């Protein structure tokens, strides 16, 4: 099986690439990533020299580069992770977010239409459903109510992918996952930022009262779900992927502080961000009815293991915070040839 993985040097994409390349069945993986601030080839170091692994540094908005990657590699499956995924950054620069998430997806879909894969998996987010009052949960038929430039751009790309399925019979699956956590996550999202700050004994900034509720899904459980859908999913369908672990942000922060043996006095409440959704909630009943997939990680266990990883990898955190990981790419991989780059 030949897989094209966009955004495969990022947090979720690299976890998926490492997972799929660890399988015993023969697999070829081409990772396509622009290596912007959150894309880091160190994330792929464990599999960088495995037979079947290739890397192409390219932007999904670059139609020529994308088209050539499809033409040369001829993927059986495309797994599309590449996105500007941070809400705060989308508020600061909405057009960049829309250009990557919506226009970049259009470029990929058009290349897939010219060189059709067996399956195109478009990876999205529960944020497209917007804030949901308790005790409600979103299923795949729930209306889309995005409230940030990020979630609106993802909702647009979801609809575009589904339109290509309807209009051009492109075999598309759309997945919508809840908040991911785990090793290798760029330290701007809640859990890695709070871990990094706690370990450094600096204040942990919490938006507003911290009572925003998120459903937490370990990144390995998310990647297992995508693998299951590659094998068993029905083209043209949407599948929610949730961790069944709703918690207020402030409770997550407190658990991190306890596990890091740090005082709650480090919590610093800061002004809330604009249009901050109060509660996300979804059901994975459809995925669970059609497969044997279930979340395997318990949150406290997963959080403990995540903290352990960040404790053991302070150099990684420092390099991604400083931008040194881009120099790492240039020093170790740029121009090395087919082993790491076309």
Protein backbone atom coordinates (compact mmCIF):
# COMPACT_ATOMS: atom_id res chain seq x y z
CA UNK A 1 0.00 0.00 0.00
CA UNK A 2 1.30 3.43 -0.96
CA UNK A 3 0.22 6.28 1.33
CA UNK A 4 0.63 10.01 0.75
CA UNK A 5 0.51 11.74 4.15
CA UNK A 6 0.18 15.51 4.09
CA UNK A 7 1.32 17.37 7.19
CA UNK A 8 3.20 14.23 8.16
CA UNK A 9 5.91 16.09 10.07
CA UNK A 10 3.35 17.61 12.44
CA UNK A 11 2.01 16.19 15.68
CA UNK A 12 -0.80 13.89 14.50
CA UNK A 13 0.61 13.27 11.03
CA UNK A 14 3.99 12.11 12.31
CA UNK A 15 2.33 9.84 14.87
CA UNK A 16 0.33 8.27 12.05
CA UNK A 17 3.43 7.89 9.85
CA UNK A 18 5.42 6.25 12.64
CA UNK A 19 2.50 3.94 13.39
CA UNK A 20 1.80 2.87 9.82
CA UNK A 21 5.50 2.25 9.08
CA UNK A 22 5.79 0.01 12.12
CA UNK A 23 3.35 -2.48 10.61
CA UNK A 24 4.68 -5.74 9.24
CA UNK A 25 2.79 -5.56 5.96
CA UNK A 26 4.66 -3.78 3.19
CA UNK A 27 3.91 -0.05 3.20
CA UNK A 28 5.37 2.90 1.33
CA UNK A 29 4.83 6.35 2.80
CA UNK A 30 5.51 9.70 1.18
CA UNK A 31 5.26 12.51 3.73
CA UNK A 32 4.51 15.91 2.23
CA UNK A 33 5.06 18.83 4.60
CA UNK A 34 5.94 22.50 4.22
CA UNK A 35 7.86 22.46 7.54
CA UNK A 36 6.25 25.60 8.86
CA UNK A 37 6.49 26.36 12.58
CA UNK A 38 4.76 23.13 13.74
CA UNK A 39 6.27 20.73 11.20
CA UNK A 40 9.42 19.07 12.51
CA UNK A 41 11.43 16.28 10.88
CA UNK A 42 12.71 15.22 14.29
CA UNK A 43 9.21 13.81 14.77
CA UNK A 44 9.94 11.37 11.94
CA UNK A 45 13.47 10.44 12.97
CA UNK A 46 12.41 7.00 14.34
CA UNK A 47 11.27 5.95 10.83
CA UNK A 48 13.37 8.21 8.60
CA UNK A 49 15.61 5.41 7.41
CA UNK A 50 12.99 2.69 7.14
CA UNK A 51 12.55 1.13 3.69
CA UNK A 52 9.55 2.69 1.98
CA UNK A 53 9.79 6.10 3.66
CA UNK A 54 10.20 9.27 1.61
CA UNK A 55 9.87 12.95 2.42
CA UNK A 56 8.98 15.88 0.18
CA UNK A 57 9.18 19.42 1.48
CA UNK A 58 6.29 21.16 -0.26
CA UNK A 59 3.33 23.41 0.49
CA UNK A 60 -0.11 21.95 -0.23
CA UNK A 61 -1.01 25.30 -1.84
CA UNK A 62 1.66 24.65 -4.50
CA UNK A 63 -0.41 23.04 -7.25
CA UNK A 64 2.57 21.99 -9.35
CA UNK A 65 4.42 20.31 -6.48
CA UNK A 66 1.26 18.55 -5.31
CA UNK A 67 0.36 17.39 -8.80
CA UNK A 68 3.88 16.06 -9.40
CA UNK A 69 3.85 14.18 -6.10
CA UNK A 70 0.62 12.42 -7.13
CA UNK A 71 1.94 11.74 -10.62
CA UNK A 72 5.26 10.29 -9.46
CA UNK A 73 4.16 8.47 -6.31
CA UNK A 74 0.68 7.36 -7.42
CA UNK A 75 -0.70 6.87 -3.89
CA UNK A 76 -3.28 4.23 -3.11
CA UNK A 77 -4.42 6.24 -0.09
CA UNK A 78 -4.12 9.94 0.77
CA UNK A 79 -4.35 10.95 4.44
CA UNK A 80 -4.68 14.71 4.62
CA UNK A 81 -3.54 16.15 7.97
CA UNK A 82 -1.88 19.36 6.74
CA UNK A 83 -3.54 22.43 8.26
CA UNK A 84 -3.06 25.61 10.20
CA UNK A 85 -4.61 24.18 13.33
CA UNK A 86 -4.26 26.75 16.12
CA UNK A 87 -7.31 28.90 16.81
CA UNK A 88 -5.28 31.79 18.25
CA UNK A 89 -3.11 31.97 15.12
CA UNK A 90 -6.22 31.90 12.94
CA UNK A 91 -7.57 34.91 14.82
CA UNK A 92 -4.31 36.80 14.33
CA UNK A 93 -4.01 35.84 10.63
CA UNK A 94 -7.30 34.53 9.20
CA UNK A 95 -6.25 34.66 5.55
CA UNK A 96 -3.23 32.40 6.10
CA UNK A 97 -5.49 29.88 7.80
CA UNK A 98 -8.07 29.94 5.01
CA UNK A 99 -5.39 29.72 2.30
CA UNK A 100 -3.87 26.57 3.78
CA UNK A 101 -6.92 24.81 5.11
CA UNK A 102 -9.41 25.52 2.34
CA UNK A 103 -7.40 26.42 -0.74
CA UNK A 104 -4.71 23.84 0.06
CA UNK A 105 -7.37 21.15 0.38
CA UNK A 106 -8.80 22.20 -2.99
CA UNK A 107 -5.37 21.76 -4.58
CA UNK A 108 -5.04 18.26 -3.12
CA UNK A 109 -8.53 17.24 -4.19
CA UNK A 110 -7.90 18.42 -7.73
CA UNK A 111 -4.66 16.41 -7.89
CA UNK A 112 -6.54 13.40 -6.54
CA UNK A 113 -9.16 13.85 -9.24
CA UNK A 114 -6.42 13.71 -11.90
CA UNK A 115 -4.61 10.74 -10.30
CA UNK A 116 -7.35 8.99 -8.32
CA UNK A 117 -6.34 7.10 -5.17
CA UNK A 118 -8.38 4.24 -3.75
CA UNK A 119 -9.25 6.49 -0.79
CA UNK A 120 -8.82 10.13 0.28
CA UNK A 121 -9.07 10.61 4.06
CA UNK A 122 -9.70 14.25 4.99
CA UNK A 123 -8.85 14.75 8.68
CA UNK A 124 -10.96 17.42 10.35
CA UNK A 125 -12.05 18.51 13.82
CA UNK A 126 -15.00 18.56 16.21
CA UNK A 127 -14.67 22.35 16.27
CA UNK A 128 -16.74 22.56 13.08
CA UNK A 129 -19.83 21.69 15.17
CA UNK A 130 -19.25 24.73 17.39
CA UNK A 131 -20.18 25.04 21.03
CA UNK A 132 -22.80 22.54 22.22
CA UNK A 133 -24.84 22.96 25.38
CA UNK A 134 -24.84 20.06 27.85
CA UNK A 135 -25.98 17.34 27.71
CA UNK A 136 -26.04 17.44 23.91
CA UNK A 137 -23.46 15.77 21.67
CA UNK A 138 -22.76 16.12 17.96
CA UNK A 139 -23.17 13.23 15.59
CA UNK A 140 -22.18 13.22 11.93
CA UNK A 141 -25.51 14.74 10.86
CA UNK A 142 -25.30 17.67 13.29
CA UNK A 143 -25.26 21.17 11.78
CA UNK A 144 -21.94 22.96 11.33
CA UNK A 145 -21.60 26.10 13.49
CA UNK A 146 -17.94 27.15 13.34
CA UNK A 147 -17.07 30.24 15.36
CA UNK A 148 -13.37 30.90 14.57
CA UNK A 149 -11.51 31.40 11.30
CA UNK A 150 -9.83 28.04 11.96
CA UNK A 151 -13.03 26.04 12.43
CA UNK A 152 -14.74 27.87 9.55
CA UNK A 153 -11.84 27.04 7.22
CA UNK A 154 -12.00 23.39 8.30
CA UNK A 155 -15.77 23.28 7.81
CA UNK A 156 -15.25 24.71 4.33
CA UNK A 157 -12.63 22.11 3.49
CA UNK A 158 -14.90 19.33 4.83
CA UNK A 159 -17.71 20.43 2.54
CA UNK A 160 -15.34 20.78 -0.39
CA UNK A 161 -14.06 17.22 0.11
CA UNK A 162 -17.61 15.89 0.32
CA UNK A 163 -18.54 17.88 -2.80
CA UNK A 164 -15.71 16.19 -4.72
CA UNK A 165 -17.10 12.85 -3.55
CA UNK A 166 -20.55 13.77 -4.81
CA UNK A 167 -19.61 15.58 -8.03
CA UNK A 168 -16.57 13.62 -9.16
CA UNK A 169 -17.13 10.30 -7.35
CA UNK A 170 -13.83 10.79 -5.52
CA UNK A 171 -13.63 8.16 -2.71
CA UNK A 172 -13.51 10.56 0.25
CA UNK A 173 -13.88 9.91 3.97
CA UNK A 174 -14.06 12.86 6.38
CA UNK A 175 -13.02 12.32 9.99
CA UNK A 176 -13.75 14.76 12.82
CA UNK A 177 -11.74 14.17 15.97
CA UNK A 178 -11.85 15.74 19.39
CA UNK A 179 -8.84 17.38 21.12
CA UNK A 180 -5.70 15.29 20.68
CA UNK A 181 -2.85 15.06 23.17
CA UNK A 182 0.36 13.04 23.45
CA UNK A 183 4.10 13.20 22.69
CA UNK A 184 5.54 15.48 20.00
CA UNK A 185 2.77 18.09 20.21
CA UNK A 186 3.92 21.65 19.52
CA UNK A 187 3.88 23.56 22.84
CA UNK A 188 1.21 26.10 21.99
CA UNK A 189 -1.80 23.82 22.52
CA UNK A 190 -3.19 23.51 26.05
CA UNK A 191 -1.61 20.29 27.32
CA UNK A 192 1.97 20.63 25.98
CA UNK A 193 2.08 24.34 26.86
CA UNK A 194 0.96 23.68 30.43
CA UNK A 195 3.41 20.78 30.80
CA UNK A 196 6.32 22.84 29.47
CA UNK A 197 5.49 25.79 31.71
CA UNK A 198 4.97 23.60 34.77
CA UNK A 199 8.33 21.90 34.26
CA UNK A 200 9.95 25.33 33.91
CA UNK A 201 8.15 26.67 37.02
CA UNK A 202 6.61 29.58 35.11
CA UNK A 203 2.95 30.69 35.13
CA UNK A 204 0.36 28.55 33.35
CA UNK A 205 -1.98 30.94 31.45
CA UNK A 206 -5.62 29.83 31.51
CA UNK A 207 -8.22 31.61 29.39
CA UNK A 208 -11.08 33.13 31.40
CA UNK A 209 -12.44 30.91 34.14
CA UNK A 210 -11.01 27.74 32.54
CA UNK A 211 -14.41 26.04 32.46
CA UNK A 212 -14.34 25.44 28.71
CA UNK A 213 -15.03 21.71 28.24
CA UNK A 214 -13.08 19.62 25.74
CA UNK A 215 -13.16 15.90 24.93
CA UNK A 216 -9.64 14.46 25.14
CA UNK A 217 -8.38 11.81 22.71
CA UNK A 218 -4.90 10.30 22.81
CA UNK A 219 -3.18 10.81 19.48
CA UNK A 220 -2.42 7.08 19.15
CA UNK A 221 -6.12 6.27 19.50
CA UNK A 222 -6.89 8.83 16.80
CA UNK A 223 -4.32 7.30 14.43
CA UNK A 224 -5.67 3.80 15.08
CA UNK A 225 -9.13 5.06 14.11
CA UNK A 226 -7.79 6.43 10.83
CA UNK A 227 -6.08 3.12 10.09
CA UNK A 228 -9.34 1.29 10.78
CA UNK A 229 -11.20 3.61 8.43
CA UNK A 230 -8.64 3.10 5.67
CA UNK A 231 -9.38 -0.61 5.92
CA UNK A 232 -13.11 -0.57 6.74
CA UNK A 233 -14.55 2.90 6.21
CA UNK A 234 -17.21 3.69 3.62
CA UNK A 235 -16.30 6.36 1.04
CA UNK A 236 -18.59 9.37 1.05
CA UNK A 237 -19.13 9.13 4.80
CA UNK A 238 -18.20 11.28 7.82
CA UNK A 239 -16.89 9.62 10.99
CA UNK A 240 -16.50 11.28 14.40
CA UNK A 241 -13.56 10.14 16.53
CA UNK A 242 -13.85 10.99 20.22
CA UNK A 243 -12.04 10.05 23.40
CA UNK A 244 -15.16 9.95 25.59
CA UNK A 245 -13.29 12.06 28.15
CA UNK A 246 -14.90 15.49 28.62
CA UNK A 247 -13.07 17.73 31.08
CA UNK A 248 -12.94 21.46 31.82
CA UNK A 249 -9.60 23.01 30.86
CA UNK A 250 -8.95 24.09 34.44
CA UNK A 251 -9.25 20.48 35.62
CA UNK A 252 -6.73 19.36 32.98
CA UNK A 253 -4.33 22.07 34.16
CA UNK A 254 -4.72 21.03 37.79
CA UNK A 255 -4.01 17.40 36.93
CA UNK A 256 -0.87 18.43 35.06
CA UNK A 257 0.33 20.42 38.06
CA UNK A 258 -0.28 17.48 40.40
CA UNK A 259 1.57 15.06 38.13
CA UNK A 260 4.46 17.54 37.80
CA UNK A 261 4.47 18.15 41.57
CA UNK A 262 3.90 21.87 41.10
CA UNK A 263 1.58 24.21 43.08
CA UNK A 264 -1.73 25.49 41.75
CA UNK A 265 -0.44 28.98 42.53
CA UNK A 266 1.26 28.79 39.11
CA UNK A 267 -2.16 29.08 37.44
CA UNK A 268 -2.65 32.55 35.94
CA UNK A 269 -6.09 33.42 34.60
CA UNK A 270 -5.84 35.66 31.53
CA UNK A 271 -8.52 37.41 29.44
CA UNK A 272 -10.54 34.97 27.36
CA UNK A 273 -9.97 34.86 23.60
CA UNK A 274 -12.68 36.13 21.23
CA UNK A 275 -15.60 33.77 20.51
CA UNK A 276 -14.12 31.04 22.70
CA UNK A 277 -16.41 28.00 22.39
CA UNK A 278 -17.65 26.85 25.77
CA UNK A 279 -18.14 23.13 25.19
CA UNK A 280 -17.28 20.60 22.49
CA UNK A 281 -18.93 17.20 22.57
CA UNK A 282 -19.33 14.47 19.99
CA UNK A 283 -20.25 10.82 19.74
CA UNK A 284 -18.21 8.11 18.01
CA UNK A 285 -21.18 5.73 17.94
CA UNK A 286 -21.09 5.41 14.15
CA UNK A 287 -17.41 4.44 14.05
CA UNK A 288 -17.88 2.03 16.93
CA UNK A 289 -20.92 0.44 15.29
CA UNK A 290 -19.00 -0.17 12.06
CA UNK A 291 -15.72 -1.37 13.59
CA UNK A 292 -14.11 -2.70 16.75
CA UNK A 293 -12.33 0.61 17.39
CA UNK A 294 -12.54 1.96 20.92
CA UNK A 295 -10.29 4.46 22.72
CA UNK A 296 -7.56 2.42 24.43
CA UNK A 297 -5.88 5.14 26.50
CA UNK A 298 -7.31 6.22 29.84
CA UNK A 299 -6.76 9.96 30.20
CA UNK A 300 -4.77 9.94 33.44
CA UNK A 301 -2.48 7.21 32.12
CA UNK A 302 -2.04 9.02 28.81
CA UNK A 303 -1.38 12.33 30.53
CA UNK A 304 1.20 10.73 32.82
CA UNK A 305 3.00 9.16 29.84
CA UNK A 306 2.87 12.45 27.94
CA UNK A 307 4.45 14.34 30.84
CA UNK A 308 7.12 11.63 31.09
CA UNK A 309 7.93 12.11 27.39
CA UNK A 310 8.31 15.89 27.76
CA UNK A 311 10.53 15.40 30.83
CA UNK A 312 12.77 13.07 28.81
CA UNK A 313 12.93 15.34 25.75
CA UNK A 314 13.68 18.88 26.96
CA UNK A 315 15.93 19.43 23.93
CA UNK A 316 13.04 18.82 21.55
CA UNK A 317 10.90 21.38 23.38
CA UNK A 318 13.68 23.95 23.35
CA UNK A 319 14.38 23.46 19.65
CA UNK A 320 10.73 23.81 18.58
CA UNK A 321 10.27 26.86 20.79
CA UNK A 322 13.35 28.56 19.36
CA UNK A 323 12.91 27.55 15.73
CA UNK A 324 16.11 25.51 15.84
CA UNK A 325 14.29 22.53 14.33
CA UNK A 326 14.33 24.29 10.93
CA UNK A 327 18.10 24.56 11.16
CA UNK A 328 18.06 20.88 12.16
CA UNK A 329 16.35 20.11 8.85
CA UNK A 330 18.83 22.14 6.83
CA UNK A 331 21.78 20.62 8.66
CA UNK A 332 20.69 16.97 8.49
CA UNK A 333 18.33 16.46 5.58
CA UNK A 334 18.38 19.20 2.98
CA UNK A 335 19.76 17.81 -0.27
CA UNK A 336 20.34 14.29 1.06
CA UNK A 337 18.50 12.67 -1.81
CA UNK A 338 15.79 10.07 -2.13
CA UNK A 339 16.23 8.60 1.35
CA UNK A 340 14.58 11.69 2.80
CA UNK A 341 13.53 13.91 -0.07
CA UNK A 342 12.60 13.71 -3.70
